[in-house]
C-alpha atoms as a PDB file:
ATOM      1  CA  MET A   1     -28.204  -1.510 -13.943  1.00  0.00           C
ATOM      2  CA  THR A   2     -25.727   1.335 -13.817  1.00  0.00           C
ATOM      3  CA  LYS A   3     -22.461   1.250 -15.696  1.00  0.00           C
ATOM      4  CA  VAL A   4     -19.108   2.629 -14.519  1.00  0.00           C
ATOM      5  CA  LYS A   5     -17.827   4.153 -17.739  1.00  0.00           C
ATOM      6  CA  LYS A   6     -14.830   6.077 -16.425  1.00  0.00           C
ATOM      7  CA  ILE A   7     -12.744   6.273 -13.248  1.00  0.00           C
ATOM      8  CA  GLY A   8     -11.028   9.486 -12.186  1.00  0.00           C
ATOM      9  CA  VAL A   9      -7.313   8.743 -12.497  1.00  0.00           C
ATOM     10  CA  LEU A  10      -6.188  11.099  -9.754  1.00  0.00           C
ATOM     11  CA  SER A  11      -8.938  10.082  -7.329  1.00  0.00           C
ATOM     12  CA  CYS A  12      -8.145   6.381  -7.826  1.00  0.00           C
ATOM     13  CA  ALA A  13      -4.423   7.073  -7.426  1.00  0.00           C
ATOM     14  CA  LYS A  14      -5.010   8.985  -4.171  1.00  0.00           C
ATOM     15  CA  ILE A  15      -7.116   6.169  -2.706  1.00  0.00           C
ATOM     16  CA  GLU A  16      -4.596   3.496  -3.728  1.00  0.00           C
ATOM     17  CA  GLY A  17      -1.755   5.636  -2.376  1.00  0.00           C
ATOM     18  CA  LEU A  18      -3.457   6.014   0.997  1.00  0.00           C
ATOM     19  CA  ILE A  19      -4.200   2.287   1.144  1.00  0.00           C
ATOM     20  CA  GLY A  20      -0.491   1.728   0.425  1.00  0.00           C
ATOM     21  CA  VAL A  21       0.520   4.075   3.258  1.00  0.00           C
ATOM     22  CA  VAL A  22      -1.707   2.208   5.717  1.00  0.00           C
ATOM     23  CA  ALA A  23      -0.437  -1.191   4.516  1.00  0.00           C
ATOM     24  CA  GLY A  24       3.157   0.054   4.730  1.00  0.00           C
ATOM     25  CA  LEU A  25       2.588   1.339   8.255  1.00  0.00           C
ATOM     26  CA  VAL A  26       1.151  -1.995   9.365  1.00  0.00           C
ATOM     27  CA  GLY A  27       4.033  -3.830   7.678  1.00  0.00           C
ATOM     28  CA  GLY A  28       6.565  -1.436   9.204  1.00  0.00           C
ATOM     29  CA  ILE A  29       5.164  -1.959  12.692  1.00  0.00           C
ATOM     30  CA  ILE A  30       5.284  -5.743  12.251  1.00  0.00           C
ATOM     31  CA  PHE A  31       8.840  -5.510  10.897  1.00  0.00           C
ATOM     32  CA  PHE A  32       9.797  -3.313  13.864  1.00  0.00           C
ATOM     33  CA  LEU A  33       8.313  -5.745  16.406  1.00  0.00           C
ATOM     34  CA  VAL A  34       9.976  -8.770  14.808  1.00  0.00           C
ATOM     35  CA  GLY A  35      13.272  -6.876  14.526  1.00  0.00           C
ATOM     36  CA  SER A  36      13.101  -5.839  18.175  1.00  0.00           C
ATOM     37  CA  ALA A  37      12.442  -9.411  19.260  1.00  0.00           C
ATOM     38  CA  LEU A  38      15.333 -10.695  17.147  1.00  0.00           C
ATOM     39  CA  GLN A  39      17.624  -8.006  18.505  1.00  0.00           C
ATOM     40  CA  SER A  40      16.905  -9.040  22.070  1.00  0.00           C
ATOM     41  CA  ILE A  41      17.586 -12.675  21.151  1.00  0.00           C
ATOM     42  CA  PHE A  42      20.870 -11.759  19.444  1.00  0.00           C
ATOM     43  CA  GLN A  43      21.954  -9.517  22.329  1.00  0.00           C
ATOM     44  CA  SER A  44      21.427 -12.332  24.800  1.00  0.00           C
ATOM     45  CA  ALA A  45      23.619 -14.532  22.585  1.00  0.00           C
ATOM     46  CA  ASP A  46      26.367 -11.834  22.428  1.00  0.00           C
ATOM     47  CA  PHE A  47      25.933 -11.030  18.723  1.00  0.00           C
ATOM     48  CA  GLU A  48      26.344  -7.512  17.397  1.00  0.00           C
ATOM     49  CA  SER A  49      22.833  -6.319  16.475  1.00  0.00           C
ATOM     50  CA  SER A  50      22.854  -2.532  16.762  1.00  0.00           C
ATOM     51  CA  GLY A  51      22.101  -2.059  13.071  1.00  0.00           C
ATOM     52  CA  MET A  52      19.086  -4.337  13.285  1.00  0.00           C
ATOM     53  CA  MET A  53      17.238  -2.015  15.660  1.00  0.00           C
ATOM     54  CA  PHE A  54      17.947   1.033  13.499  1.00  0.00           C
ATOM     55  CA  GLY A  55      16.794  -0.809  10.380  1.00  0.00           C
ATOM     56  CA  SER A  56      13.609  -2.052  11.961  1.00  0.00           C
ATOM     57  CA  ALA A  57      12.822   1.399  13.403  1.00  0.00           C
ATOM     58  CA  MET A  58      13.358   3.014  10.009  1.00  0.00           C
ATOM     59  CA  SER A  59      10.905   0.543   8.461  1.00  0.00           C
ATOM     60  CA  ILE A  60       8.068   2.383  10.216  1.00  0.00           C
ATOM     61  CA  VAL A  61       8.995   5.479   8.184  1.00  0.00           C
ATOM     62  CA  ILE A  62      10.330   4.011   4.942  1.00  0.00           C
ATOM     63  CA  LEU A  63       7.744   1.301   4.202  1.00  0.00           C
ATOM     64  CA  PRO A  64       4.707   3.625   4.292  1.00  0.00           C
ATOM     65  CA  ILE A  65       6.471   6.062   1.944  1.00  0.00           C
ATOM     66  CA  ILE A  66       7.466   3.339  -0.531  1.00  0.00           C
ATOM     67  CA  TYR A  67       4.072   1.584  -0.385  1.00  0.00           C
ATOM     68  CA  GLY A  68       2.278   4.933  -0.727  1.00  0.00           C
ATOM     69  CA  VAL A  69       4.250   5.985  -3.808  1.00  0.00           C
ATOM     70  CA  VAL A  70       3.919   2.570  -5.447  1.00  0.00           C
ATOM     71  CA  GLY A  71       0.200   2.491  -4.596  1.00  0.00           C
ATOM     72  CA  PHE A  72      -0.327   5.968  -6.073  1.00  0.00           C
ATOM     73  CA  ILE A  73       1.449   5.070  -9.311  1.00  0.00           C
ATOM     74  CA  GLY A  74      -0.261   1.668  -9.476  1.00  0.00           C
ATOM     75  CA  GLY A  75      -3.679   3.230  -8.864  1.00  0.00           C
ATOM     76  CA  ALA A  76      -3.138   5.726 -11.679  1.00  0.00           C
ATOM     77  CA  ILE A  77      -2.071   2.960 -14.059  1.00  0.00           C
ATOM     78  CA  VAL A  78      -5.067   0.786 -13.131  1.00  0.00           C
ATOM     79  CA  ALA A  79      -7.490   3.697 -13.630  1.00  0.00           C
ATOM     80  CA  LEU A  80      -5.950   4.543 -17.003  1.00  0.00           C
ATOM     81  CA  LEU A  81      -6.160   0.916 -18.109  1.00  0.00           C
ATOM     82  CA  TYR A  82      -9.748   0.632 -16.898  1.00  0.00           C
ATOM     83  CA  ASN A  83     -10.747   3.759 -18.804  1.00  0.00           C
ATOM     84  CA  LEU A  84      -9.057   2.454 -21.952  1.00  0.00           C
ATOM     85  CA  ILE A  85     -10.612  -1.009 -21.755  1.00  0.00           C
ATOM     86  CA  ALA A  86     -14.039   0.296 -20.688  1.00  0.00           C
ATOM     87  CA  GLY A  87     -14.022   2.443 -23.815  1.00  0.00           C
ATOM     88  CA  TRP A  88     -13.591  -0.671 -25.950  1.00  0.00           C
ATOM     89  CA  ILE A  89     -15.897  -3.187 -24.267  1.00  0.00           C
ATOM     90  CA  GLY A  90     -18.025  -1.120 -21.902  1.00  0.00           C
ATOM     91  CA  GLY A  91     -17.753  -0.515 -18.198  1.00  0.00           C
ATOM     92  CA  ILE A  92     -18.541  -2.641 -15.183  1.00  0.00           C
ATOM     93  CA  GLU A  93     -22.279  -2.974 -14.599  1.00  0.00           C
ATOM     94  CA  ILE A  94     -23.475  -2.507 -11.035  1.00  0.00           C
ATOM     95  CA  GLU A  95     -26.925  -2.473  -9.510  1.00  0.00           C
ATOM     96  CA  LEU A  96     -27.654   0.312  -7.032  1.00  0.00           C
ATOM     97  CA  GLU A  97     -30.553   0.623  -4.614  1.00  0.00           C
ATOM     98  CA  ASN A  98     -31.985   3.908  -3.378  1.00  0.00           C
ATOM     99  CA  LYS A  99     -32.912   3.963   0.304  1.00  0.00           C
END
């Protein structure tokens, strides 16, 4: 068995931040598609929906930034907490196989 005694805070934060960017991009695209569909429904019913299209288009830019920043900060906090707790009770034990 091998034990993970410490996690690099910055490396964990970068990975979590990038995962957040990807998740935010996927969420932004979904939000954009749903917003576009709703806008076309509202336009056919003579409702004013010009702001909806702008908001849903901006979600493709804003959500990845927000998710990336939150993921980066969250990843750093998780790595710091893991390092602190692993120092008290030991790290996670994993079994590795050489090929």
